Amino acid sequence: MTRKLILITAGLLALTGAGYISTPAAQQQPVVFQPHPSTQDPKNLVTPAQMKKWETELSNWGRWGKNDQRGALNLITPEKTQQATKLVKEGVTVTLTHFASLEKALDNWNFGETKHWMTNVDPQTGRVTSALDGISFAIHDGTNSHMDALCHYAVDRDGQRIIYNGYPQNLDQKGCKDLAVDRMGPGYVTRGVLVDMPLLKGVEWLPEHTPIYISDLEAWEKYAGIKVSSGDALFVRTGRWARRAKTGPWNHARMAAGLHASVLPWLKARGVSLLAGDAVNDVQPSGVEGRNRPIHDLTQVFIGLPLVDNGYFEDVAAQAARLRRWEFMATWQIMKIPGGTASPFNAMATF
């Protein structure tokens, strides 16, 4: 097997729940990761039948009209935005974003190479003649914070791929025909709520495969003195970036801590408008038979709740802990990529 083929295959396995042991090419074997044992406990177990039931019970299809393209972002009302501005007391702003890395690593370049170049270069001397440059990157890659468009995930219905609000997943080489990221509004201002699970548990980062349950979210609410409410943007920190900074890149796409599928009714009931994780949102493996990423499946296709993967919450966690205040004004701009399946998550938290 050539080195190029190994890299391509490894990228595909990253999508299917397996990975490679770090051994010479001739000895490479797929690794199957096991879900956290607690996900199989009867009190936590989410079955395929339960998931199918939730597809109906948690659906927001038609709630904001048959032509709606924004989903739960509709919960960010003008009143909610006005309330969020009143959270600015110190005037301190931190980023919620990690940009695509130029580093070729285990958790990056699964969907394409990140490149940065100077565009005006003398071909004879190689001298850069102007301060002009270009960049290219895969929006969904593992070190790039991005907000998924609602066309990103689909389910099979009567032989057709269906996305949020019952639209067919109509794709071509130009992107999505409906529910693309350029249809989801210019950007938003709302209350952001940080859920800092490592702080709650007294660890630097959550161990691999750790599921986050409703009981954990509500324990955090009690600790922080906050109740998640309609229109909030919820930022769930597992410590993915803290671990990476200390130990290096790792296969977060198949090993990360994250939300367990049992939190789905809670997310709908609380009226969360944006769900952001510092890894892939879903605990990996999910522990749900036949569903690799059940949080993605139901939030995007049925609840219409946009997700942010690979958010960067280290700075906001430090600032929130210093102030002992885990709510803030969250702002983000949506890049209007025609037919886009996601936008880079250009987001800030202001205290």
Protein backbone atom coordinates (compact mmCIF):
# COMPACT_ATOMS: atom_id res chain seq x y z
CA MET A 1 0.00 0.00 0.00
CA THR A 2 1.44 3.37 -0.95
CA ARG A 3 1.75 6.18 1.55
CA LYS A 4 -0.81 8.23 -0.39
CA LEU A 5 -3.36 5.42 -0.24
CA ILE A 6 -2.79 4.98 3.48
CA LEU A 7 -3.56 8.65 4.08
CA ILE A 8 -6.74 8.50 2.01
CA THR A 9 -7.92 5.35 3.75
CA ALA A 10 -7.18 6.79 7.17
CA GLY A 11 -9.37 9.77 6.33
CA LEU A 12 -12.24 7.48 5.38
CA LEU A 13 -11.87 5.45 8.56
CA ALA A 14 -12.04 8.65 10.58
CA LEU A 15 -15.59 9.00 9.25
CA THR A 16 -16.66 5.44 10.04
CA GLY A 17 -15.59 5.04 13.65
CA ALA A 18 -12.28 3.31 13.19
CA GLY A 19 -8.70 4.54 13.18
CA TYR A 20 -5.19 3.27 12.61
CA ILE A 21 -2.71 2.08 15.19
CA SER A 22 0.55 4.00 14.79
CA THR A 23 2.63 1.19 13.25
CA PRO A 24 4.54 0.66 9.99
CA ALA A 25 2.32 0.66 6.89
CA ALA A 26 2.50 -3.09 6.33
CA GLN A 27 1.20 -3.74 9.85
CA GLN A 28 -1.52 -1.08 10.02
CA GLN A 29 -4.77 -2.38 11.46
CA PRO A 30 -8.11 -0.64 11.96
CA VAL A 31 -8.93 0.14 15.58
CA VAL A 32 -12.53 -0.14 16.78
CA PHE A 33 -13.28 2.15 19.71
CA GLN A 34 -15.73 1.01 22.38
CA PRO A 35 -18.37 3.32 23.89
CA HIS A 36 -18.24 4.31 27.52
CA PRO A 37 -19.86 1.54 29.63
CA SER A 38 -22.33 3.97 31.22
CA THR A 39 -23.99 4.53 27.83
CA GLN A 40 -25.17 0.90 27.94
CA ASP A 41 -26.65 1.17 31.42
CA PRO A 42 -30.47 0.73 31.14
CA LYS A 43 -31.04 4.13 32.77
CA ASN A 44 -28.98 5.85 30.05
CA LEU A 45 -29.37 3.56 27.05
CA VAL A 46 -30.85 5.20 23.96
CA THR A 47 -32.16 2.63 21.48
CA PRO A 48 -32.78 2.95 17.74
CA ALA A 49 -36.51 2.82 18.50
CA GLN A 50 -36.19 5.77 20.89
CA MET A 51 -34.28 7.75 18.30
CA LYS A 52 -37.03 7.13 15.73
CA LYS A 53 -39.65 8.24 18.25
CA TRP A 54 -37.73 11.44 18.96
CA GLU A 55 -37.62 12.24 15.25
CA THR A 56 -41.32 13.02 15.58
CA GLU A 57 -41.54 14.20 19.19
CA LEU A 58 -38.65 16.68 18.97
CA SER A 59 -39.30 17.92 15.44
CA ASN A 60 -39.51 21.64 14.70
CA TRP A 61 -40.57 21.06 11.09
CA GLY A 62 -43.08 23.76 10.16
CA ARG A 63 -42.74 25.63 13.47
CA TRP A 64 -41.44 28.76 11.71
CA GLY A 65 -43.17 28.12 8.40
CA LYS A 66 -42.72 25.63 5.59
CA ASN A 67 -40.06 27.79 3.92
CA ASP A 68 -37.95 28.31 7.04
CA GLN A 69 -34.18 28.09 6.47
CA ARG A 70 -32.89 29.13 9.92
CA GLY A 71 -34.32 26.59 12.35
CA ALA A 72 -33.64 27.25 16.04
CA LEU A 73 -31.79 30.46 15.18
CA ASN A 74 -35.31 31.94 15.00
CA LEU A 75 -35.30 31.75 18.81
CA ILE A 76 -32.80 34.61 18.86
CA THR A 77 -35.40 37.35 18.85
CA PRO A 78 -34.71 41.12 18.91
CA GLU A 79 -35.67 41.03 22.59
CA LYS A 80 -33.14 38.26 23.25
CA THR A 81 -30.42 40.25 21.52
CA GLN A 82 -31.24 43.36 23.55
CA GLN A 83 -31.05 41.33 26.76
CA ALA A 84 -27.67 39.93 25.73
CA THR A 85 -26.14 43.39 25.32
CA LYS A 86 -26.88 44.08 29.01
CA LEU A 87 -24.45 41.30 29.97
CA VAL A 88 -21.52 43.47 28.90
CA LYS A 89 -20.11 44.89 32.14
CA GLU A 90 -16.30 44.68 31.97
CA GLY A 91 -16.01 45.33 28.23
CA VAL A 92 -13.60 42.39 27.83
CA THR A 93 -13.76 40.33 24.62
CA VAL A 94 -12.22 36.90 23.95
CA THR A 95 -12.35 34.60 20.96
CA LEU A 96 -14.45 31.45 20.64
CA THR A 97 -12.65 30.40 17.48
CA HIS A 98 -9.75 28.22 16.39
CA PHE A 99 -8.69 28.67 12.78
CA ALA A 100 -7.65 25.82 10.49
CA SER A 101 -4.09 24.78 11.24
CA LEU A 102 -1.32 24.71 8.66
CA GLU A 103 0.08 21.76 10.59
CA LYS A 104 -0.47 18.32 9.09
CA ALA A 105 -1.58 16.25 12.08
CA LEU A 106 -3.73 13.36 13.27
CA ASP A 107 -6.70 15.65 13.92
CA ASN A 108 -6.38 17.76 10.79
CA TRP A 109 -6.37 17.65 6.97
CA ASN A 110 -8.96 14.85 6.82
CA PHE A 111 -10.92 16.75 4.16
CA GLY A 112 -8.23 18.78 2.47
CA GLU A 113 -4.90 20.52 2.87
CA THR A 114 -4.65 23.95 4.50
CA LYS A 115 -2.49 26.30 2.45
CA HIS A 116 -1.36 29.90 2.82
CA TRP A 117 0.65 31.67 0.13
CA MET A 118 1.76 35.09 -1.02
CA THR A 119 0.06 35.81 -4.33
CA ASN A 120 2.44 38.40 -5.82
CA VAL A 121 5.84 36.77 -6.23
CA ASP A 122 8.45 37.52 -8.87
CA PRO A 123 8.79 34.25 -10.84
CA GLN A 124 12.44 34.97 -11.65
CA THR A 125 13.77 35.92 -8.22
CA GLY A 126 11.15 34.46 -5.89
CA ARG A 127 10.89 37.85 -4.18
CA VAL A 128 7.53 38.80 -2.73
CA THR A 129 6.52 42.01 -4.46
CA SER A 130 3.30 42.96 -2.62
CA ALA A 131 1.64 42.37 0.74
CA LEU A 132 -1.10 40.23 -0.81
CA ASP A 133 -1.89 36.62 0.02
CA GLY A 134 -4.35 33.75 -0.31
CA ILE A 135 -5.52 30.88 1.85
CA SER A 136 -7.45 27.68 1.28
CA PHE A 137 -8.76 25.17 3.82
CA ALA A 138 -11.49 22.57 4.35
CA ILE A 139 -14.20 24.18 6.47
CA HIS A 140 -15.15 20.95 8.28
CA ASP A 141 -11.59 19.99 9.15
CA GLY A 142 -10.68 19.03 12.68
CA THR A 143 -8.82 22.13 13.83
CA ASN A 144 -11.21 24.64 12.26
CA SER A 145 -14.11 26.02 14.29
CA HIS A 146 -17.15 25.96 12.04
CA MET A 147 -20.93 26.23 12.17
CA ASP A 148 -22.69 23.49 10.20
CA ALA A 149 -25.41 24.50 7.79
CA LEU A 150 -28.72 22.68 8.23
CA CYS A 151 -28.19 20.90 4.90
CA HIS A 152 -25.10 19.13 6.26
CA TYR A 153 -26.89 16.10 7.73
CA ALA A 154 -29.76 14.09 6.20
CA VAL A 155 -31.89 11.01 6.89
CA ASP A 156 -33.37 8.44 4.54
CA ARG A 157 -37.12 8.70 3.98
CA ASP A 158 -38.84 6.59 1.31
CA GLY A 159 -35.67 6.28 -0.73
CA GLN A 160 -34.86 9.99 -0.55
CA ARG A 161 -32.35 11.94 1.53
CA ILE A 162 -34.28 14.46 3.65
CA ILE A 163 -32.98 17.46 5.59
CA TYR A 164 -34.55 19.87 8.09
CA ASN A 165 -38.13 21.00 7.50
CA GLY A 166 -38.69 18.14 5.04
CA TYR A 167 -36.53 19.54 2.25
CA PRO A 168 -34.85 16.99 -0.03
CA GLN A 169 -31.07 17.11 0.29
CA ASN A 170 -30.53 18.58 -3.15
CA LEU A 171 -26.78 18.78 -3.79
CA ASP A 172 -24.57 19.42 -6.75
CA GLN A 173 -21.00 20.61 -7.29
CA LYS A 174 -22.04 24.13 -6.31
CA GLY A 175 -23.32 22.98 -2.90
CA CYS A 176 -26.73 22.79 -1.22
CA LYS A 177 -29.85 24.14 -2.93
CA ASP A 178 -31.72 24.60 0.38
CA LEU A 179 -30.68 25.20 3.98
CA ALA A 180 -27.20 26.26 2.89
CA VAL A 181 -25.22 28.44 5.25
CA ASP A 182 -25.88 31.58 3.18
CA ARG A 183 -29.62 31.15 3.93
CA MET A 184 -29.16 31.17 7.71
CA GLY A 185 -28.90 34.90 8.32
CA PRO A 186 -26.05 37.44 8.45
CA GLY A 187 -25.02 36.68 12.03
CA TYR A 188 -26.37 36.80 15.57
CA VAL A 189 -26.04 38.38 19.01
CA THR A 190 -27.43 36.44 21.96
CA ARG A 191 -26.68 35.23 25.46
CA GLY A 192 -23.86 32.74 25.51
CA VAL A 193 -23.67 30.19 28.32
CA LEU A 194 -20.44 28.30 28.94
CA VAL A 195 -20.69 24.79 30.37
CA ASP A 196 -17.20 24.05 31.69
CA MET A 197 -17.27 20.32 32.42
CA PRO A 198 -13.57 19.95 33.37
CA LEU A 199 -13.98 22.75 35.93
CA LEU A 200 -17.05 21.05 37.38
CA LYS A 201 -15.27 17.69 37.58
CA GLY A 202 -11.98 19.12 38.87
CA VAL A 203 -9.86 17.86 35.95
CA GLU A 204 -7.80 19.46 33.16
CA TRP A 205 -9.91 17.74 30.52
CA LEU A 206 -12.55 15.03 30.40
CA PRO A 207 -11.18 11.54 29.75
CA GLU A 208 -11.67 9.96 26.33
CA HIS A 209 -15.19 8.68 25.55
CA THR A 210 -16.77 10.47 28.56
CA PRO A 211 -20.50 11.06 28.00
CA ILE A 212 -22.19 14.20 29.28
CA TYR A 213 -25.73 13.58 30.56
CA ILE A 214 -28.63 15.83 31.55
CA SER A 215 -27.60 15.38 35.18
CA ASP A 216 -24.19 16.87 34.33
CA LEU A 217 -25.71 19.85 32.53
CA GLU A 218 -28.06 20.56 35.41
CA ALA A 219 -25.26 20.12 37.96
CA TRP A 220 -23.40 22.79 36.03
CA GLU A 221 -26.42 25.09 36.08
CA LYS A 222 -26.50 24.78 39.86
CA TYR A 223 -22.75 25.40 40.14
CA ALA A 224 -22.83 28.43 37.85
CA GLY A 225 -26.14 29.84 39.08
CA ILE A 226 -27.51 29.86 35.53
CA LYS A 227 -30.50 28.28 33.83
CA VAL A 228 -30.27 27.71 30.09
CA SER A 229 -33.24 29.36 28.38
CA SER A 230 -34.78 29.99 24.98
CA GLY A 231 -32.46 31.62 22.45
CA ASP A 232 -29.26 30.86 24.35
CA ALA A 233 -26.10 29.75 22.58
CA LEU A 234 -24.68 26.86 24.59
CA PHE A 235 -20.90 26.33 24.62
CA VAL A 236 -19.87 22.96 26.06
CA ARG A 237 -16.20 22.67 27.01
CA THR A 238 -14.65 19.21 27.39
CA GLY A 239 -11.02 20.43 27.46
CA ARG A 240 -10.12 19.06 24.02
CA TRP A 241 -7.77 21.99 23.29
CA ALA A 242 -6.18 21.92 26.75
CA ARG A 243 -5.24 18.30 26.17
CA ARG A 244 -3.93 19.03 22.68
CA ALA A 245 -1.75 21.86 23.96
CA LYS A 246 -0.22 19.59 26.60
CA THR A 247 0.02 16.20 24.87
CA GLY A 248 -0.25 16.95 21.14
CA PRO A 249 -2.79 16.04 18.44
CA TRP A 250 -5.03 13.05 19.05
CA ASN A 251 -7.98 11.34 17.37
CA HIS A 252 -10.68 13.49 18.94
CA ALA A 253 -13.05 12.70 16.06
CA ARG A 254 -13.42 9.12 17.34
CA MET A 255 -12.37 9.36 20.99
CA ALA A 256 -13.71 12.65 22.35
CA ALA A 257 -15.91 13.32 25.32
CA GLY A 258 -19.21 14.93 24.42
CA LEU A 259 -22.96 15.00 24.78
CA HIS A 260 -24.85 11.71 25.07
CA ALA A 261 -27.95 11.27 22.91
CA SER A 262 -30.18 11.31 26.01
CA VAL A 263 -29.73 15.11 26.26
CA LEU A 264 -31.67 15.71 23.05
CA PRO A 265 -35.10 16.30 24.69
CA TRP A 266 -33.43 18.69 27.16
CA LEU A 267 -31.89 20.74 24.35
CA LYS A 268 -35.28 21.04 22.65
CA ALA A 269 -37.14 21.84 25.89
CA ARG A 270 -34.64 24.56 26.89
CA GLY A 271 -34.86 26.23 23.48
CA VAL A 272 -31.13 26.22 22.75
CA SER A 273 -30.54 28.23 19.55
CA LEU A 274 -26.93 27.21 18.87
CA LEU A 275 -25.02 24.23 20.27
CA ALA A 276 -21.24 24.53 20.23
CA GLY A 277 -18.68 21.94 21.30
CA ASP A 278 -14.88 22.05 21.41
CA ALA A 279 -14.72 18.67 19.63
CA VAL A 280 -17.55 17.06 17.63
CA ASN A 281 -20.42 17.62 20.13
CA ASP A 282 -21.35 13.89 20.20
CA VAL A 283 -19.51 11.65 22.65
CA GLN A 284 -17.45 9.20 20.61
CA PRO A 285 -18.39 6.43 20.21
CA SER A 286 -22.00 7.45 20.77
CA GLY A 287 -23.20 4.24 22.42
CA VAL A 288 -26.34 4.33 20.25
CA GLU A 289 -26.72 1.36 17.93
CA GLY A 290 -26.58 2.38 14.27
CA ARG A 291 -25.97 6.06 15.05
CA ASN A 292 -22.43 7.35 14.91
CA ARG A 293 -23.44 10.92 15.74
CA PRO A 294 -27.00 10.97 17.05
CA ILE A 295 -26.69 14.54 18.37
CA HIS A 296 -25.87 15.67 14.84
CA ASP A 297 -28.67 13.57 13.34
CA LEU A 298 -31.52 14.95 15.43
CA THR A 299 -30.38 18.50 16.12
CA GLN A 300 -29.69 19.30 12.51
CA VAL A 301 -32.38 17.32 10.72
CA PHE A 302 -35.33 17.46 13.12
CA ILE A 303 -34.82 20.16 15.78
CA GLY A 304 -33.15 22.48 13.27
CA LEU A 305 -30.49 23.32 15.84
CA PRO A 306 -27.22 24.44 14.19
CA LEU A 307 -24.03 22.96 15.61
CA VAL A 308 -20.53 24.32 15.99
CA ASP A 309 -17.71 21.76 15.94
CA ASN A 310 -14.16 22.46 17.14
CA GLY A 311 -15.03 25.65 19.00
CA TYR A 312 -12.19 27.12 21.05
CA PHE A 313 -13.28 27.75 24.65
CA GLU A 314 -10.00 27.98 26.57
CA ASP A 315 -9.90 31.78 26.70
CA VAL A 316 -13.57 32.17 27.58
CA ALA A 317 -13.21 29.52 30.30
CA ALA A 318 -10.31 31.41 31.88
CA GLN A 319 -12.15 34.73 31.75
CA ALA A 320 -15.40 33.25 33.09
CA ALA A 321 -13.59 31.55 35.97
CA ARG A 322 -11.80 34.79 36.85
CA LEU A 323 -15.08 36.68 36.97
CA ARG A 324 -17.08 33.74 38.38
CA ARG A 325 -19.63 34.49 35.65
CA TRP A 326 -20.39 31.97 32.91
CA GLU A 327 -22.83 34.02 30.84
CA PHE A 328 -21.81 36.66 28.32
CA MET A 329 -22.80 38.35 25.08
CA ALA A 330 -22.00 35.97 22.21
CA THR A 331 -21.65 37.33 18.70
CA TRP A 332 -20.89 35.61 15.43
CA GLN A 333 -20.95 36.46 11.75
CA ILE A 334 -22.00 33.92 9.12
CA MET A 335 -19.85 33.84 6.01
CA LYS A 336 -22.22 33.84 3.03
CA ILE A 337 -20.72 30.97 1.07
CA PRO A 338 -23.20 30.26 -1.76
CA GLY A 339 -24.54 26.74 -1.24
CA GLY A 340 -22.12 26.27 1.66
CA THR A 341 -22.39 23.32 4.04
CA ALA A 342 -20.78 25.34 6.85
CA SER A 343 -19.24 28.67 7.74
CA PRO A 344 -16.06 29.34 9.68
CA PHE A 345 -17.26 30.22 13.18
CA ASN A 346 -16.24 33.85 13.51
CA ALA A 347 -17.35 34.29 17.11
CA MET A 348 -16.52 36.36 20.17
CA ALA A 349 -17.58 36.41 23.83
CA THR A 350 -17.87 39.79 25.52
CA PHE A 351 -18.16 40.14 29.30
